Amino acid sequence: MISEVDIRDWGHVPHRPIESKDQYEHYLRHHDWLFEFSDDHSVFRAGAMAQAYLEEASSLFDPEKLVWRKYAPRS
């Protein structure tokens, strides 16, 4: 199980592989979905990298993106 310490260590850019669907959902829940609106380029870059990482993990744990849609903002 992931602790809050792990989330702080993870920050915006994952450093460890996502190893389970529960972990994948945890990272989706804590992802900064509004990173694109940041004026700080480092926040934008980190958010974009994290989202790309999560999209890659979705192909393993959520190919139909059902869990993804649960957390992603509506467009």
PDB file of N, CA and C in Angstrom:
ATOM      1  N   MET A   1       0.848  -1.188   0.000  1.00  0.00           N
ATOM      2  CA  MET A   1       0.000   0.000   0.000  1.00  0.00           C
ATOM      3  C   MET A   1       0.889   1.244   0.000  1.00  0.00           C
ATOM      4  N   ILE A   2       0.473   2.263  -0.677  1.00  0.00           N
ATOM      5  CA  ILE A   2       1.234   3.501  -0.769  1.00  0.00           C
ATOM      6  C   ILE A   2       0.877   4.398   0.403  1.00  0.00           C
ATOM      7  N   SER A   3       1.881   4.999   1.001  1.00  0.00           N
ATOM      8  CA  SER A   3       1.640   5.921   2.108  1.00  0.00           C
ATOM      9  C   SER A   3       1.729   7.351   1.602  1.00  0.00           C
ATOM     10  N   GLU A   4       1.337   8.287   2.437  1.00  0.00           N
ATOM     11  CA  GLU A   4       1.447   9.699   2.071  1.00  0.00           C
ATOM     12  C   GLU A   4       2.909  10.090   1.877  1.00  0.00           C
ATOM     13  N   VAL A   5       3.827   9.443   2.590  1.00  0.00           N
ATOM     14  CA  VAL A   5       5.255   9.712   2.399  1.00  0.00           C
ATOM     15  C   VAL A   5       5.654   9.358   0.974  1.00  0.00           C
ATOM     16  N   ASP A   6       5.153   8.229   0.468  1.00  0.00           N
ATOM     17  CA  ASP A   6       5.450   7.846  -0.910  1.00  0.00           C
ATOM     18  C   ASP A   6       4.954   8.897  -1.898  1.00  0.00           C
ATOM     19  N   ILE A   7       3.761   9.421  -1.653  1.00  0.00           N
ATOM     20  CA  ILE A   7       3.204  10.437  -2.540  1.00  0.00           C
ATOM     21  C   ILE A   7       4.070  11.694  -2.507  1.00  0.00           C
ATOM     22  N   ARG A   8       4.539  12.103  -1.340  1.00  0.00           N
ATOM     23  CA  ARG A   8       5.408  13.291  -1.270  1.00  0.00           C
ATOM     24  C   ARG A   8       6.720  13.017  -1.996  1.00  0.00           C
ATOM     25  N   ASP A   9       7.268  11.812  -1.850  1.00  0.00           N
ATOM     26  CA  ASP A   9       8.491  11.464  -2.562  1.00  0.00           C
ATOM     27  C   ASP A   9       8.252  11.438  -4.066  1.00  0.00           C
ATOM     28  N   TRP A  10       7.075  10.966  -4.464  1.00  0.00           N
ATOM     29  CA  TRP A  10       6.739  10.859  -5.875  1.00  0.00           C
ATOM     30  C   TRP A  10       6.575  12.240  -6.483  1.00  0.00           C
ATOM     31  N   GLY A  11       5.959  13.149  -5.742  1.00  0.00           N
ATOM     32  CA  GLY A  11       5.743  14.498  -6.247  1.00  0.00           C
ATOM     33  C   GLY A  11       4.937  14.467  -7.529  1.00  0.00           C
ATOM     34  N   HIS A  12       5.350  15.237  -8.484  1.00  0.00           N
ATOM     35  CA  HIS A  12       4.634  15.304  -9.749  1.00  0.00           C
ATOM     36  C   HIS A  12       5.173  14.299 -10.762  1.00  0.00           C
ATOM     37  N   VAL A  13       6.381  13.843 -10.568  1.00  0.00           N
ATOM     38  CA  VAL A  13       6.998  12.928 -11.531  1.00  0.00           C
ATOM     39  C   VAL A  13       7.253  11.586 -10.855  1.00  0.00           C
ATOM     40  N   PRO A  14       6.643  10.515 -11.354  1.00  0.00           N
ATOM     41  CA  PRO A  14       6.852   9.210 -10.732  1.00  0.00           C
ATOM     42  C   PRO A  14       8.297   8.746 -10.854  1.00  0.00           C
ATOM     43  N   HIS A  15       8.816   8.182  -9.783  1.00  0.00           N
ATOM     44  CA  HIS A  15      10.186   7.680  -9.775  1.00  0.00           C
ATOM     45  C   HIS A  15      10.226   6.165  -9.656  1.00  0.00           C
ATOM     46  N   ARG A  16       9.094   5.574  -9.349  1.00  0.00           N
ATOM     47  CA  ARG A  16       9.013   4.123  -9.207  1.00  0.00           C
ATOM     48  C   ARG A  16       7.963   3.594 -10.174  1.00  0.00           C
ATOM     49  N   PRO A  17       8.143   2.380 -10.646  1.00  0.00           N
ATOM     50  CA  PRO A  17       7.120   1.828 -11.539  1.00  0.00           C
ATOM     51  C   PRO A  17       5.800   1.607 -10.810  1.00  0.00           C
ATOM     52  N   ILE A  18       4.722   1.772 -11.516  1.00  0.00           N
ATOM     53  CA  ILE A  18       3.402   1.481 -10.974  1.00  0.00           C
ATOM     54  C   ILE A  18       3.210  -0.029 -11.102  1.00  0.00           C
ATOM     55  N   GLU A  19       2.947  -0.682  -9.973  1.00  0.00           N
ATOM     56  CA  GLU A  19       2.950  -2.142  -9.943  1.00  0.00           C
ATOM     57  C   GLU A  19       1.581  -2.783  -9.775  1.00  0.00           C
ATOM     58  N   SER A  20       0.540  -1.982  -9.572  1.00  0.00           N
ATOM     59  CA  SER A  20      -0.787  -2.571  -9.399  1.00  0.00           C
ATOM     60  C   SER A  20      -1.855  -1.572  -9.832  1.00  0.00           C
ATOM     61  N   LYS A  21      -3.049  -2.108 -10.035  1.00  0.00           N
ATOM     62  CA  LYS A  21      -4.167  -1.231 -10.408  1.00  0.00           C
ATOM     63  C   LYS A  21      -4.507  -0.276  -9.266  1.00  0.00           C
ATOM     64  N   ASP A  22      -4.387  -0.743  -8.022  1.00  0.00           N
ATOM     65  CA  ASP A  22      -4.651   0.130  -6.870  1.00  0.00           C
ATOM     66  C   ASP A  22      -3.662   1.289  -6.832  1.00  0.00           C
ATOM     67  N   GLN A  23      -2.408   1.002  -7.091  1.00  0.00           N
ATOM     68  CA  GLN A  23      -1.388   2.036  -7.107  1.00  0.00           C
ATOM     69  C   GLN A  23      -1.646   3.011  -8.263  1.00  0.00           C
ATOM     70  N   TYR A  24      -2.004   2.489  -9.406  1.00  0.00           N
ATOM     71  CA  TYR A  24      -2.351   3.316 -10.567  1.00  0.00           C
ATOM     72  C   TYR A  24      -3.487   4.274 -10.202  1.00  0.00           C
ATOM     73  N   GLU A  25      -4.532   3.766  -9.578  1.00  0.00           N
ATOM     74  CA  GLU A  25      -5.664   4.605  -9.197  1.00  0.00           C
ATOM     75  C   GLU A  25      -5.248   5.650  -8.160  1.00  0.00           C
ATOM     76  N   HIS A  26      -4.386   5.265  -7.240  1.00  0.00           N
ATOM     77  CA  HIS A  26      -3.894   6.199  -6.231  1.00  0.00           C
ATOM     78  C   HIS A  26      -3.187   7.384  -6.899  1.00  0.00           C
ATOM     79  N   TYR A  27      -2.329   7.101  -7.872  1.00  0.00           N
ATOM     80  CA  TYR A  27      -1.614   8.171  -8.564  1.00  0.00           C
ATOM     81  C   TYR A  27      -2.555   9.019  -9.408  1.00  0.00           C
ATOM     82  N   LEU A  28      -3.571   8.417  -9.997  1.00  0.00           N
ATOM     83  CA  LEU A  28      -4.563   9.209 -10.732  1.00  0.00           C
ATOM     84  C   LEU A  28      -5.288  10.165  -9.792  1.00  0.00           C
ATOM     85  N   ARG A  29      -5.620   9.665  -8.615  1.00  0.00           N
ATOM     86  CA  ARG A  29      -6.340  10.480  -7.629  1.00  0.00           C
ATOM     87  C   ARG A  29      -5.502  11.680  -7.191  1.00  0.00           C
ATOM     88  N   HIS A  30      -4.177  11.522  -7.131  1.00  0.00           N
ATOM     89  CA  HIS A  30      -3.302  12.587  -6.645  1.00  0.00           C
ATOM     90  C   HIS A  30      -2.619  13.392  -7.755  1.00  0.00           C
ATOM     91  N   HIS A  31      -2.922  13.066  -8.990  1.00  0.00           N
ATOM     92  CA  HIS A  31      -2.314  13.775 -10.122  1.00  0.00           C
ATOM     93  C   HIS A  31      -2.828  15.212 -10.181  1.00  0.00           C
ATOM     94  N   ASP A  32      -1.963  16.137 -10.545  1.00  0.00           N
ATOM     95  CA  ASP A  32      -2.347  17.542 -10.728  1.00  0.00           C
ATOM     96  C   ASP A  32      -2.954  17.692 -12.118  1.00  0.00           C
ATOM     97  N   TRP A  33      -4.258  17.519 -12.212  1.00  0.00           N
ATOM     98  CA  TRP A  33      -4.950  17.551 -13.487  1.00  0.00           C
ATOM     99  C   TRP A  33      -4.971  18.948 -14.107  1.00  0.00           C
ATOM    100  N   LEU A  34      -4.647  19.959 -13.348  1.00  0.00           N
ATOM    101  CA  LEU A  34      -4.694  21.334 -13.856  1.00  0.00           C
ATOM    102  C   LEU A  34      -3.305  21.893 -14.157  1.00  0.00           C
ATOM    103  N   PHE A  35      -2.309  21.017 -14.291  1.00  0.00           N
ATOM    104  CA  PHE A  35      -0.934  21.463 -14.519  1.00  0.00           C
ATOM    105  C   PHE A  35      -0.812  22.339 -15.766  1.00  0.00           C
ATOM    106  N   GLU A  36      -1.654  22.124 -16.756  1.00  0.00           N
ATOM    107  CA  GLU A  36      -1.559  22.883 -18.007  1.00  0.00           C
ATOM    108  C   GLU A  36      -1.838  24.376 -17.820  1.00  0.00           C
ATOM    109  N   PHE A  37      -2.489  24.729 -16.734  1.00  0.00           N
ATOM    110  CA  PHE A  37      -2.830  26.121 -16.484  1.00  0.00           C
ATOM    111  C   PHE A  37      -1.791  26.856 -15.647  1.00  0.00           C
ATOM    112  N   SER A  38      -0.724  26.156 -15.273  1.00  0.00           N
ATOM    113  CA  SER A  38       0.301  26.752 -14.421  1.00  0.00           C
ATOM    114  C   SER A  38       1.153  27.755 -15.200  1.00  0.00           C
ATOM    115  N   ASP A  39       1.500  28.859 -14.541  1.00  0.00           N
ATOM    116  CA  ASP A  39       2.429  29.833 -15.117  1.00  0.00           C
ATOM    117  C   ASP A  39       3.871  29.406 -14.898  1.00  0.00           C
ATOM    118  N   ASP A  40       4.067  28.442 -14.021  1.00  0.00           N
ATOM    119  CA  ASP A  40       5.408  27.954 -13.697  1.00  0.00           C
ATOM    120  C   ASP A  40       5.748  26.806 -14.651  1.00  0.00           C
ATOM    121  N   HIS A  41       6.748  27.007 -15.490  1.00  0.00           N
ATOM    122  CA  HIS A  41       7.093  25.998 -16.492  1.00  0.00           C
ATOM    123  C   HIS A  41       7.512  24.671 -15.852  1.00  0.00           C
ATOM    124  N   SER A  42       8.166  24.720 -14.698  1.00  0.00           N
ATOM    125  CA  SER A  42       8.589  23.468 -14.055  1.00  0.00           C
ATOM    126  C   SER A  42       7.379  22.649 -13.601  1.00  0.00           C
ATOM    127  N   VAL A  43       6.322  23.318 -13.160  1.00  0.00           N
ATOM    128  CA  VAL A  43       5.088  22.617 -12.775  1.00  0.00           C
ATOM    129  C   VAL A  43       4.440  22.020 -14.015  1.00  0.00           C
ATOM    130  N   PHE A  44       4.411  22.789 -15.093  1.00  0.00           N
ATOM    131  CA  PHE A  44       3.844  22.298 -16.344  1.00  0.00           C
ATOM    132  C   PHE A  44       4.610  21.079 -16.851  1.00  0.00           C
ATOM    133  N   ARG A  45       5.933  21.184 -16.865  1.00  0.00           N
ATOM    134  CA  ARG A  45       6.776  20.089 -17.366  1.00  0.00           C
ATOM    135  C   ARG A  45       6.596  18.829 -16.522  1.00  0.00           C
ATOM    136  N   ALA A  46       6.604  18.999 -15.196  1.00  0.00           N
ATOM    137  CA  ALA A  46       6.439  17.846 -14.304  1.00  0.00           C
ATOM    138  C   ALA A  46       5.064  17.214 -14.478  1.00  0.00           C
ATOM    139  N   GLY A  47       4.041  18.030 -14.613  1.00  0.00           N
ATOM    140  CA  GLY A  47       2.688  17.515 -14.803  1.00  0.00           C
ATOM    141  C   GLY A  47       2.546  16.765 -16.120  1.00  0.00           C
ATOM    142  N   ALA A  48       3.163  17.300 -17.166  1.00  0.00           N
ATOM    143  CA  ALA A  48       3.110  16.644 -18.469  1.00  0.00           C
ATOM    144  C   ALA A  48       3.836  15.298 -18.427  1.00  0.00           C
ATOM    145  N   MET A  49       4.977  15.255 -17.756  1.00  0.00           N
ATOM    146  CA  MET A  49       5.724  14.001 -17.632  1.00  0.00           C
ATOM    147  C   MET A  49       4.928  12.974 -16.827  1.00  0.00           C
ATOM    148  N   ALA A  50       4.320  13.426 -15.726  1.00  0.00           N
ATOM    149  CA  ALA A  50       3.531  12.517 -14.895  1.00  0.00           C
ATOM    150  C   ALA A  50       2.335  11.987 -15.673  1.00  0.00           C
ATOM    151  N   GLN A  51       1.688  12.853 -16.436  1.00  0.00           N
ATOM    152  CA  GLN A  51       0.526  12.409 -17.190  1.00  0.00           C
ATOM    153  C   GLN A  51       0.927  11.406 -18.274  1.00  0.00           C
ATOM    154  N   ALA A  52       2.049  11.630 -18.921  1.00  0.00           N
ATOM    155  CA  ALA A  52       2.531  10.678 -19.930  1.00  0.00           C
ATOM    156  C   ALA A  52       2.824   9.323 -19.286  1.00  0.00           C
ATOM    157  N   TYR A  53       3.415   9.358 -18.091  1.00  0.00           N
ATOM    158  CA  TYR A  53       3.719   8.128 -17.355  1.00  0.00           C
ATOM    159  C   TYR A  53       2.421   7.395 -16.995  1.00  0.00           C
ATOM    160  N   LEU A  54       1.426   8.148 -16.550  1.00  0.00           N
ATOM    161  CA  LEU A  54       0.145   7.548 -16.183  1.00  0.00           C
ATOM    162  C   LEU A  54      -0.574   6.992 -17.416  1.00  0.00           C
ATOM    163  N   GLU A  55      -0.455   7.677 -18.534  1.00  0.00           N
ATOM    164  CA  GLU A  55      -1.067   7.170 -19.763  1.00  0.00           C
ATOM    165  C   GLU A  55      -0.425   5.850 -20.176  1.00  0.00           C
ATOM    166  N   GLU A  56       0.882   5.766 -20.007  1.00  0.00           N
ATOM    167  CA  GLU A  56       1.576   4.518 -20.320  1.00  0.00           C
ATOM    168  C   GLU A  56       1.100   3.397 -19.386  1.00  0.00           C
ATOM    169  N   ALA A  57       0.958   3.711 -18.101  1.00  0.00           N
ATOM    170  CA  ALA A  57       0.478   2.719 -17.132  1.00  0.00           C
ATOM    171  C   ALA A  57      -0.962   2.317 -17.426  1.00  0.00           C
ATOM    172  N   SER A  58      -1.743   3.228 -17.981  1.00  0.00           N
ATOM    173  CA  SER A  58      -3.139   2.898 -18.287  1.00  0.00           C
ATOM    174  C   SER A  58      -3.242   1.776 -19.309  1.00  0.00           C
ATOM    175  N   SER A  59      -2.255   1.665 -20.196  1.00  0.00           N
ATOM    176  CA  SER A  59      -2.304   0.584 -21.182  1.00  0.00           C
ATOM    177  C   SER A  59      -2.204  -0.789 -20.511  1.00  0.00           C
ATOM    178  N   LEU A  60      -1.575  -0.850 -19.357  1.00  0.00           N
ATOM    179  CA  LEU A  60      -1.467  -2.115 -18.615  1.00  0.00           C
ATOM    180  C   LEU A  60      -2.653  -2.352 -17.691  1.00  0.00           C
ATOM    181  N   PHE A  61      -3.023  -1.326 -16.935  1.00  0.00           N
ATOM    182  CA  PHE A  61      -3.994  -1.504 -15.854  1.00  0.00           C
ATOM    183  C   PHE A  61      -5.402  -1.025 -16.188  1.00  0.00           C
ATOM    184  N   ASP A  62      -5.541  -0.237 -17.253  1.00  0.00           N
ATOM    185  CA  ASP A  62      -6.827   0.386 -17.536  1.00  0.00           C
ATOM    186  C   ASP A  62      -6.962   0.656 -19.038  1.00  0.00           C
ATOM    187  N   PRO A  63      -6.871  -0.386 -19.872  1.00  0.00           N
ATOM    188  CA  PRO A  63      -6.845  -0.168 -21.327  1.00  0.00           C
ATOM    189  C   PRO A  63      -8.073   0.563 -21.871  1.00  0.00           C
ATOM    190  N   GLU A  64      -9.205   0.412 -21.227  1.00  0.00           N
ATOM    191  CA  GLU A  64     -10.419   1.108 -21.681  1.00  0.00           C
ATOM    192  C   GLU A  64     -10.572   2.479 -21.024  1.00  0.00           C
ATOM    193  N   LYS A  65      -9.618   2.814 -20.163  1.00  0.00           N
ATOM    194  CA  LYS A  65      -9.567   4.106 -19.450  1.00  0.00           C
ATOM    195  C   LYS A  65     -10.830   4.389 -18.618  1.00  0.00           C
ATOM    196  N   LEU A  66     -11.407   3.359 -18.035  1.00  0.00           N
ATOM    197  CA  LEU A  66     -12.573   3.545 -17.173  1.00  0.00           C
ATOM    198  C   LEU A  66     -12.186   4.225 -15.872  1.00  0.00           C
ATOM    199  N   VAL A  67     -11.076   3.792 -15.269  1.00  0.00           N
ATOM    200  CA  VAL A  67     -10.608   4.408 -14.021  1.00  0.00           C
ATOM    201  C   VAL A  67     -10.104   5.816 -14.324  1.00  0.00           C
ATOM    202  N   TRP A  68      -9.408   5.971 -15.444  1.00  0.00           N
ATOM    203  CA  TRP A  68      -8.891   7.280 -15.858  1.00  0.00           C
ATOM    204  C   TRP A  68     -10.023   8.311 -15.900  1.00  0.00           C
ATOM    205  N   ARG A  69     -11.131   7.958 -16.545  1.00  0.00           N
ATOM    206  CA  ARG A  69     -12.260   8.884 -16.695  1.00  0.00           C
ATOM    207  C   ARG A  69     -12.901   9.234 -15.353  1.00  0.00           C
ATOM    208  N   LYS A  70     -12.732   8.368 -14.379  1.00  0.00           N
ATOM    209  CA  LYS A  70     -13.265   8.630 -13.046  1.00  0.00           C
ATOM    210  C   LYS A  70     -12.575   9.835 -12.403  1.00  0.00           C
ATOM    211  N   TYR A  71     -11.297  10.058 -12.711  1.00  0.00           N
ATOM    212  CA  TYR A  71     -10.507  11.119 -12.072  1.00  0.00           C
ATOM    213  C   TYR A  71     -10.185  12.298 -12.983  1.00  0.00           C
ATOM    214  N   ALA A  72     -10.111  12.072 -14.277  1.00  0.00           N
ATOM    215  CA  ALA A  72      -9.755  13.154 -15.193  1.00  0.00           C
ATOM    216  C   ALA A  72     -10.894  14.151 -15.279  1.00  0.00           C
ATOM    217  N   PRO A  73     -10.561  15.428 -15.343  1.00  0.00           N
ATOM    218  CA  PRO A  73     -11.633  16.420 -15.490  1.00  0.00           C
ATOM    219  C   PRO A  73     -12.324  16.255 -16.851  1.00  0.00           C
ATOM    220  N   ARG A  74     -13.553  16.594 -16.859  1.00  0.00           N
ATOM    221  CA  ARG A  74     -14.337  16.522 -18.116  1.00  0.00           C
ATOM    222  C   ARG A  74     -13.860  17.623 -19.059  1.00  0.00           C
ATOM    223  N   SER A  75     -13.748  17.268 -20.330  1.00  0.00           N
ATOM    224  CA  SER A  75     -13.340  18.309 -21.285  1.00  0.00           C
ATOM    225  C   SER A  75     -14.503  18.746 -22.139  1.00  0.00           C
TER     226      SER A  75
END
